[in-house]
């Protein structure tokens, strides 16, 4: 992907983030993540029905990388099953670590493929994804407890 295109996608998702703004609905699972080394703090909420992510919302105070990553992630994971979301997360994390990954399933999230070269920015891009991982774990734990 061309560097100018990457920059434009990141800036567009920072200036006009998708799925931004939390709602008052107790059927959503909530998580909070923050980066101890900067101002980034992301609140996420997701509605999961029948192991499918029906909706994801986010809010918080964060840099351009973190905000755009949250916007891209929420858009990418909406309507995905938990298994699909976990696969996407694993590939995203591998990409950030400079490991082998499947770029086809990451779609727009491929804009961060150079982050492995910028260690200080990895946490910025990964922070919302960590929050989603918490939500998925919470969902799985609830299912286990209700068996």
N, C-alpha and C. Protein backbone atom coordinates (compact mmCIF):
# COMPACT_ATOMS: atom_id res chain seq x y z
N UNK A 1 0.86 -1.18 0.00
CA UNK A 1 0.00 0.00 0.00
C UNK A 1 0.90 1.24 0.00
N UNK A 2 0.58 2.19 -0.81
CA UNK A 2 1.31 3.44 -0.95
C UNK A 2 1.31 4.23 0.37
N UNK A 3 2.44 4.83 0.72
CA UNK A 3 2.56 5.57 1.98
C UNK A 3 1.59 6.75 2.09
N UNK A 4 1.34 7.44 0.96
CA UNK A 4 0.37 8.54 1.00
C UNK A 4 -1.04 8.04 1.27
N UNK A 5 -1.37 6.90 0.67
CA UNK A 5 -2.69 6.31 0.91
C UNK A 5 -2.82 5.90 2.38
N UNK A 6 -1.77 5.28 2.92
CA UNK A 6 -1.78 4.90 4.35
C UNK A 6 -2.02 6.12 5.22
N UNK A 7 -1.26 7.17 4.98
CA UNK A 7 -1.37 8.40 5.76
C UNK A 7 -2.79 8.97 5.67
N UNK A 8 -3.35 8.98 4.45
CA UNK A 8 -4.71 9.50 4.26
C UNK A 8 -5.75 8.67 5.01
N UNK A 9 -5.61 7.35 4.98
CA UNK A 9 -6.54 6.47 5.70
C UNK A 9 -6.45 6.70 7.20
N UNK A 10 -5.24 6.81 7.72
CA UNK A 10 -5.05 7.06 9.15
C UNK A 10 -5.65 8.41 9.53
N UNK A 11 -5.35 9.44 8.77
CA UNK A 11 -5.88 10.78 9.08
C UNK A 11 -7.40 10.85 8.97
N UNK A 12 -7.95 10.20 7.96
CA UNK A 12 -9.41 10.19 7.80
C UNK A 12 -10.08 9.50 8.99
N UNK A 13 -9.52 8.39 9.44
CA UNK A 13 -10.09 7.67 10.58
C UNK A 13 -9.84 8.38 11.91
N UNK A 14 -8.84 9.25 11.94
CA UNK A 14 -8.58 10.07 13.13
C UNK A 14 -9.54 11.26 13.17
N UNK A 15 -9.67 11.95 12.05
CA UNK A 15 -10.52 13.14 12.00
C UNK A 15 -12.01 12.80 12.02
N UNK A 16 -12.39 11.70 11.38
CA UNK A 16 -13.79 11.28 11.28
C UNK A 16 -13.92 9.81 11.68
N UNK A 17 -13.66 9.52 12.96
CA UNK A 17 -13.66 8.12 13.38
C UNK A 17 -15.04 7.47 13.27
N UNK A 18 -15.02 6.22 12.85
CA UNK A 18 -16.26 5.45 12.74
C UNK A 18 -16.56 4.82 14.11
N UNK A 19 -17.81 4.68 14.43
CA UNK A 19 -18.26 4.00 15.64
C UNK A 19 -17.80 4.67 16.92
N UNK A 20 -17.57 5.97 16.88
CA UNK A 20 -17.12 6.69 18.07
C UNK A 20 -18.32 7.19 18.85
N UNK A 21 -18.25 7.03 20.15
CA UNK A 21 -19.31 7.47 21.05
C UNK A 21 -19.95 6.28 21.73
N UNK A 22 -19.89 6.29 23.05
CA UNK A 22 -20.48 5.20 23.82
C UNK A 22 -21.98 5.44 23.98
N UNK A 23 -22.71 4.38 24.23
CA UNK A 23 -24.15 4.48 24.46
C UNK A 23 -24.49 3.84 25.80
N UNK A 24 -25.63 4.20 26.31
CA UNK A 24 -26.07 3.64 27.60
C UNK A 24 -26.92 2.40 27.32
N UNK A 25 -26.28 1.24 27.35
CA UNK A 25 -26.97 -0.01 27.06
C UNK A 25 -26.24 -1.13 27.81
N UNK A 26 -26.89 -1.69 28.80
CA UNK A 26 -26.26 -2.70 29.66
C UNK A 26 -26.06 -4.04 28.96
N UNK A 27 -26.56 -4.21 27.74
CA UNK A 27 -26.36 -5.47 27.03
C UNK A 27 -24.98 -5.50 26.35
N UNK A 28 -24.26 -4.41 26.38
CA UNK A 28 -22.92 -4.34 25.82
C UNK A 28 -21.90 -4.73 26.89
N UNK A 29 -20.77 -5.29 26.45
CA UNK A 29 -19.65 -5.58 27.33
C UNK A 29 -18.67 -4.42 27.21
N UNK A 30 -18.18 -3.93 28.34
CA UNK A 30 -17.33 -2.74 28.39
C UNK A 30 -15.89 -3.10 28.74
N UNK A 31 -14.94 -2.37 28.18
CA UNK A 31 -13.54 -2.49 28.61
C UNK A 31 -12.87 -1.13 28.53
N UNK A 32 -11.84 -0.97 29.35
CA UNK A 32 -11.04 0.25 29.36
C UNK A 32 -9.58 -0.18 29.25
N UNK A 33 -8.85 0.48 28.37
CA UNK A 33 -7.41 0.23 28.25
C UNK A 33 -6.70 1.58 28.20
N UNK A 34 -5.50 1.60 28.74
CA UNK A 34 -4.72 2.83 28.65
C UNK A 34 -3.24 2.50 28.48
N UNK A 35 -2.55 3.47 27.98
CA UNK A 35 -1.11 3.36 27.75
C UNK A 35 -0.42 4.18 28.82
N UNK A 36 0.33 3.52 29.68
CA UNK A 36 0.98 4.19 30.81
C UNK A 36 2.01 5.22 30.36
N UNK A 37 2.53 5.09 29.15
CA UNK A 37 3.60 5.98 28.70
C UNK A 37 3.11 7.21 27.92
N UNK A 38 1.79 7.34 27.75
CA UNK A 38 1.25 8.52 27.05
C UNK A 38 -0.20 8.75 27.49
N UNK A 39 -0.91 9.61 26.79
CA UNK A 39 -2.28 9.96 27.18
C UNK A 39 -3.33 8.96 26.70
N UNK A 40 -2.96 8.03 25.85
CA UNK A 40 -3.94 7.15 25.22
C UNK A 40 -4.77 6.39 26.25
N UNK A 41 -6.08 6.56 26.15
CA UNK A 41 -7.03 5.80 26.95
C UNK A 41 -8.25 5.54 26.08
N UNK A 42 -8.61 4.26 25.94
CA UNK A 42 -9.70 3.88 25.06
C UNK A 42 -10.75 3.10 25.85
N UNK A 43 -11.98 3.53 25.76
CA UNK A 43 -13.12 2.79 26.30
C UNK A 43 -13.83 2.15 25.13
N UNK A 44 -14.08 0.86 25.26
CA UNK A 44 -14.76 0.11 24.21
C UNK A 44 -16.01 -0.54 24.78
N UNK A 45 -16.98 -0.72 23.93
CA UNK A 45 -18.15 -1.52 24.29
C UNK A 45 -18.60 -2.29 23.06
N UNK A 46 -18.98 -3.54 23.29
CA UNK A 46 -19.40 -4.39 22.18
C UNK A 46 -20.63 -5.18 22.56
N UNK A 47 -21.50 -5.35 21.60
CA UNK A 47 -22.69 -6.18 21.77
C UNK A 47 -22.45 -7.47 21.00
N UNK A 48 -22.43 -8.57 21.74
CA UNK A 48 -22.17 -9.87 21.13
C UNK A 48 -23.40 -10.74 21.32
N UNK A 49 -23.95 -11.20 20.20
CA UNK A 49 -25.13 -12.06 20.23
C UNK A 49 -24.81 -13.31 19.42
N UNK A 50 -25.04 -14.46 20.04
CA UNK A 50 -24.77 -15.75 19.39
C UNK A 50 -23.36 -15.82 18.81
N UNK A 51 -22.38 -15.38 19.62
CA UNK A 51 -20.97 -15.39 19.24
C UNK A 51 -20.65 -14.55 18.01
N UNK A 52 -21.47 -13.54 17.76
CA UNK A 52 -21.25 -12.63 16.65
C UNK A 52 -21.23 -11.20 17.20
N UNK A 53 -20.26 -10.42 16.76
CA UNK A 53 -20.14 -9.03 17.21
C UNK A 53 -21.12 -8.19 16.40
N UNK A 54 -22.21 -7.82 17.05
CA UNK A 54 -23.23 -7.04 16.35
C UNK A 54 -22.90 -5.55 16.28
N UNK A 55 -22.22 -5.05 17.32
CA UNK A 55 -21.88 -3.64 17.35
C UNK A 55 -20.66 -3.44 18.23
N UNK A 56 -19.85 -2.47 17.88
CA UNK A 56 -18.70 -2.06 18.70
C UNK A 56 -18.66 -0.54 18.67
N UNK A 57 -18.44 0.04 19.83
CA UNK A 57 -18.34 1.49 19.97
C UNK A 57 -17.08 1.81 20.76
N UNK A 58 -16.53 2.98 20.58
CA UNK A 58 -15.37 3.39 21.37
C UNK A 58 -15.41 4.88 21.66
N UNK A 59 -14.64 5.26 22.65
CA UNK A 59 -14.46 6.66 23.00
C UNK A 59 -13.19 6.76 23.81
N UNK A 60 -12.78 7.95 24.11
CA UNK A 60 -11.59 8.16 24.93
C UNK A 60 -10.72 9.26 24.37
N UNK A 61 -9.57 9.40 24.97
CA UNK A 61 -8.60 10.41 24.55
C UNK A 61 -7.36 9.67 24.07
N UNK A 62 -7.00 9.91 22.81
CA UNK A 62 -5.86 9.18 22.28
C UNK A 62 -5.27 9.90 21.07
N UNK A 63 -4.06 9.49 20.72
CA UNK A 63 -3.35 10.07 19.59
C UNK A 63 -3.98 9.62 18.26
N UNK A 64 -3.44 10.14 17.17
CA UNK A 64 -3.98 9.83 15.84
C UNK A 64 -3.87 8.34 15.52
N UNK A 65 -2.75 7.71 15.88
CA UNK A 65 -2.57 6.28 15.59
C UNK A 65 -3.60 5.46 16.36
N UNK A 66 -3.75 5.73 17.63
CA UNK A 66 -4.67 4.96 18.48
C UNK A 66 -6.12 5.17 18.07
N UNK A 67 -6.51 6.42 17.86
CA UNK A 67 -7.89 6.72 17.45
C UNK A 67 -8.21 6.09 16.11
N UNK A 68 -7.31 6.24 15.14
CA UNK A 68 -7.57 5.66 13.82
C UNK A 68 -7.60 4.15 13.89
N UNK A 69 -6.75 3.56 14.72
CA UNK A 69 -6.76 2.11 14.88
C UNK A 69 -8.08 1.63 15.48
N UNK A 70 -8.60 2.37 16.46
CA UNK A 70 -9.90 2.01 17.06
C UNK A 70 -11.01 2.10 16.02
N UNK A 71 -10.98 3.15 15.21
CA UNK A 71 -11.99 3.33 14.17
C UNK A 71 -11.94 2.19 13.15
N UNK A 72 -10.74 1.89 12.68
CA UNK A 72 -10.57 0.82 11.68
C UNK A 72 -10.96 -0.52 12.28
N UNK A 73 -10.52 -0.78 13.53
CA UNK A 73 -10.82 -2.06 14.18
C UNK A 73 -12.33 -2.25 14.36
N UNK A 74 -13.01 -1.23 14.86
CA UNK A 74 -14.45 -1.39 15.10
C UNK A 74 -15.19 -1.66 13.80
N UNK A 75 -14.79 -0.99 12.75
CA UNK A 75 -15.41 -1.20 11.45
C UNK A 75 -15.11 -2.60 10.91
N UNK A 76 -13.89 -3.06 11.11
CA UNK A 76 -13.46 -4.36 10.60
C UNK A 76 -14.11 -5.52 11.35
N UNK A 77 -14.27 -5.38 12.67
CA UNK A 77 -14.77 -6.50 13.47
C UNK A 77 -16.29 -6.59 13.56
N UNK A 78 -16.97 -5.52 13.21
CA UNK A 78 -18.44 -5.55 13.24
C UNK A 78 -18.96 -6.65 12.33
N UNK A 79 -19.93 -7.41 12.85
CA UNK A 79 -20.57 -8.50 12.13
C UNK A 79 -19.68 -9.74 11.97
N UNK A 80 -18.53 -9.75 12.65
CA UNK A 80 -17.66 -10.93 12.61
C UNK A 80 -17.99 -11.84 13.78
N UNK A 81 -17.74 -13.13 13.61
CA UNK A 81 -17.89 -14.07 14.72
C UNK A 81 -16.70 -13.86 15.66
N UNK A 82 -16.82 -14.40 16.86
CA UNK A 82 -15.72 -14.32 17.83
C UNK A 82 -14.48 -14.99 17.25
N UNK A 83 -14.65 -16.13 16.62
CA UNK A 83 -13.51 -16.85 16.03
C UNK A 83 -12.84 -16.01 14.95
N UNK A 84 -13.63 -15.37 14.09
CA UNK A 84 -13.07 -14.51 13.04
C UNK A 84 -12.34 -13.32 13.67
N UNK A 85 -12.93 -12.73 14.70
CA UNK A 85 -12.32 -11.58 15.37
C UNK A 85 -10.98 -11.96 15.99
N UNK A 86 -10.93 -13.14 16.60
CA UNK A 86 -9.67 -13.61 17.20
C UNK A 86 -8.60 -13.84 16.13
N UNK A 87 -9.01 -14.36 15.00
CA UNK A 87 -8.07 -14.59 13.89
C UNK A 87 -7.54 -13.25 13.37
N UNK A 88 -8.42 -12.28 13.24
CA UNK A 88 -8.02 -10.95 12.76
C UNK A 88 -7.06 -10.31 13.77
N UNK A 89 -7.41 -10.41 15.06
CA UNK A 89 -6.55 -9.85 16.11
C UNK A 89 -5.16 -10.47 16.07
N UNK A 90 -5.09 -11.78 15.96
CA UNK A 90 -3.82 -12.50 15.92
C UNK A 90 -2.97 -12.03 14.73
N UNK A 91 -3.58 -11.87 13.58
CA UNK A 91 -2.87 -11.40 12.40
C UNK A 91 -2.42 -9.95 12.55
N UNK A 92 -3.26 -9.12 13.17
CA UNK A 92 -2.90 -7.72 13.40
C UNK A 92 -1.69 -7.64 14.33
N UNK A 93 -1.74 -8.40 15.41
CA UNK A 93 -0.63 -8.41 16.37
C UNK A 93 0.65 -8.92 15.71
N UNK A 94 0.55 -9.97 14.91
CA UNK A 94 1.71 -10.48 14.19
C UNK A 94 2.30 -9.43 13.25
N UNK A 95 1.42 -8.69 12.57
CA UNK A 95 1.88 -7.64 11.68
C UNK A 95 2.67 -6.59 12.46
N UNK A 96 2.14 -6.17 13.61
CA UNK A 96 2.82 -5.16 14.41
C UNK A 96 4.16 -5.65 14.96
N UNK A 97 4.27 -6.94 15.14
CA UNK A 97 5.51 -7.53 15.66
C UNK A 97 6.50 -7.89 14.55
N UNK A 98 6.11 -7.65 13.30
CA UNK A 98 6.98 -7.97 12.18
C UNK A 98 7.03 -9.46 11.87
N UNK A 99 6.00 -10.18 12.33
CA UNK A 99 5.92 -11.62 12.08
C UNK A 99 5.05 -11.87 10.85
N UNK A 100 4.99 -13.12 10.43
CA UNK A 100 4.16 -13.48 9.28
C UNK A 100 2.68 -13.32 9.62
N UNK A 101 1.91 -12.79 8.68
CA UNK A 101 0.48 -12.56 8.87
C UNK A 101 -0.23 -12.59 7.52
N UNK A 102 -1.55 -12.72 7.57
CA UNK A 102 -2.38 -12.74 6.37
C UNK A 102 -2.94 -11.34 6.14
N UNK A 103 -2.37 -10.63 5.21
CA UNK A 103 -2.80 -9.25 4.94
C UNK A 103 -4.21 -9.16 4.37
N UNK A 104 -4.67 -10.22 3.73
CA UNK A 104 -6.00 -10.20 3.12
C UNK A 104 -7.11 -10.00 4.15
N UNK A 105 -6.97 -10.60 5.32
CA UNK A 105 -8.06 -10.48 6.31
C UNK A 105 -7.99 -9.16 7.10
N UNK A 106 -6.86 -8.45 7.01
CA UNK A 106 -6.72 -7.20 7.77
C UNK A 106 -7.32 -5.99 7.04
N UNK A 107 -7.50 -6.11 5.76
CA UNK A 107 -8.10 -5.04 4.95
C UNK A 107 -7.45 -3.69 5.26
N UNK A 108 -8.24 -2.70 5.68
CA UNK A 108 -7.75 -1.35 5.93
C UNK A 108 -6.72 -1.28 7.07
N UNK A 109 -6.74 -2.26 7.96
CA UNK A 109 -5.78 -2.28 9.08
C UNK A 109 -4.34 -2.48 8.60
N UNK A 110 -4.16 -2.82 7.34
CA UNK A 110 -2.82 -2.95 6.78
C UNK A 110 -2.05 -1.63 6.75
N UNK A 111 -2.73 -0.51 7.00
CA UNK A 111 -2.05 0.78 7.02
C UNK A 111 -0.97 0.83 8.11
N UNK A 112 -1.04 -0.07 9.07
CA UNK A 112 -0.06 -0.09 10.17
C UNK A 112 1.06 -1.09 9.94
N UNK A 113 1.24 -1.54 8.71
CA UNK A 113 2.24 -2.58 8.45
C UNK A 113 3.68 -2.13 8.68
N UNK A 114 3.92 -0.84 8.78
CA UNK A 114 5.27 -0.34 9.06
C UNK A 114 5.51 -0.08 10.55
N UNK A 115 4.50 -0.27 11.36
CA UNK A 115 4.61 0.02 12.80
C UNK A 115 5.70 -0.83 13.45
N UNK A 116 5.96 -2.01 12.95
CA UNK A 116 7.01 -2.87 13.52
C UNK A 116 8.35 -2.14 13.54
N UNK A 117 8.52 -1.19 12.64
CA UNK A 117 9.76 -0.41 12.58
C UNK A 117 9.76 0.75 13.56
N UNK A 118 8.61 1.00 14.22
CA UNK A 118 8.47 2.12 15.16
C UNK A 118 7.97 1.59 16.50
N UNK A 119 8.84 0.99 17.29
CA UNK A 119 8.42 0.33 18.53
C UNK A 119 7.58 1.21 19.46
N UNK A 120 7.86 2.51 19.48
CA UNK A 120 7.11 3.39 20.39
C UNK A 120 5.66 3.57 19.95
N UNK A 121 5.32 3.23 18.71
CA UNK A 121 3.96 3.42 18.20
C UNK A 121 3.13 2.12 18.23
N UNK A 122 3.79 0.99 18.49
CA UNK A 122 3.08 -0.29 18.50
C UNK A 122 1.93 -0.28 19.50
N UNK A 123 2.19 0.18 20.71
CA UNK A 123 1.16 0.17 21.75
C UNK A 123 0.00 1.08 21.36
N UNK A 124 0.30 2.17 20.68
CA UNK A 124 -0.76 3.09 20.22
C UNK A 124 -1.72 2.37 19.28
N UNK A 125 -1.17 1.65 18.33
CA UNK A 125 -2.00 0.95 17.35
C UNK A 125 -2.70 -0.26 17.97
N UNK A 126 -2.05 -0.90 18.93
CA UNK A 126 -2.59 -2.14 19.51
C UNK A 126 -3.59 -1.91 20.65
N UNK A 127 -3.54 -0.75 21.28
CA UNK A 127 -4.36 -0.50 22.47
C UNK A 127 -5.85 -0.81 22.30
N UNK A 128 -6.54 -0.32 21.27
CA UNK A 128 -7.96 -0.68 21.12
C UNK A 128 -8.17 -2.17 20.93
N UNK A 129 -7.25 -2.82 20.26
CA UNK A 129 -7.34 -4.26 20.02
C UNK A 129 -7.22 -5.04 21.33
N UNK A 130 -6.37 -4.55 22.23
CA UNK A 130 -6.24 -5.16 23.55
C UNK A 130 -7.57 -5.05 24.29
N UNK A 131 -8.23 -3.90 24.15
CA UNK A 131 -9.55 -3.73 24.77
C UNK A 131 -10.57 -4.69 24.21
N UNK A 132 -10.52 -4.93 22.91
CA UNK A 132 -11.44 -5.89 22.30
C UNK A 132 -11.14 -7.30 22.74
N UNK A 133 -9.86 -7.60 22.92
CA UNK A 133 -9.47 -8.92 23.43
C UNK A 133 -10.05 -9.13 24.83
N UNK A 134 -10.04 -8.09 25.65
CA UNK A 134 -10.64 -8.17 27.00
C UNK A 134 -12.14 -8.46 26.91
N UNK A 135 -12.81 -7.80 25.99
CA UNK A 135 -14.25 -7.99 25.81
C UNK A 135 -14.53 -9.44 25.40
N UNK A 136 -13.76 -9.96 24.47
CA UNK A 136 -13.96 -11.34 24.02
C UNK A 136 -13.73 -12.32 25.16
N UNK A 137 -12.69 -12.09 25.96
CA UNK A 137 -12.43 -12.96 27.11
C UNK A 137 -13.58 -12.89 28.11
N UNK A 138 -14.08 -11.71 28.35
CA UNK A 138 -15.22 -11.55 29.26
C UNK A 138 -16.44 -12.29 28.75
N UNK A 139 -16.69 -12.17 27.44
CA UNK A 139 -17.82 -12.86 26.82
C UNK A 139 -17.68 -14.38 26.98
N UNK A 140 -16.49 -14.89 26.69
CA UNK A 140 -16.25 -16.33 26.81
C UNK A 140 -16.41 -16.80 28.26
N UNK A 141 -15.94 -15.99 29.20
CA UNK A 141 -16.06 -16.35 30.61
C UNK A 141 -17.53 -16.41 31.04
N UNK A 142 -18.32 -15.46 30.57
CA UNK A 142 -19.76 -15.45 30.88
C UNK A 142 -20.43 -16.69 30.33
N UNK A 143 -20.07 -17.08 29.11
CA UNK A 143 -20.65 -18.29 28.51
C UNK A 143 -20.28 -19.51 29.34
N UNK A 144 -19.02 -19.60 29.76
CA UNK A 144 -18.55 -20.73 30.57
C UNK A 144 -19.31 -20.80 31.90
N UNK A 145 -19.49 -19.65 32.52
CA UNK A 145 -20.17 -19.60 33.83
C UNK A 145 -21.64 -19.98 33.71
N UNK A 146 -22.24 -19.76 32.55
CA UNK A 146 -23.66 -20.05 32.37
C UNK A 146 -23.93 -21.44 31.85
N UNK A 147 -22.88 -22.26 31.72
CA UNK A 147 -23.08 -23.64 31.25
C UNK A 147 -23.63 -24.51 32.36
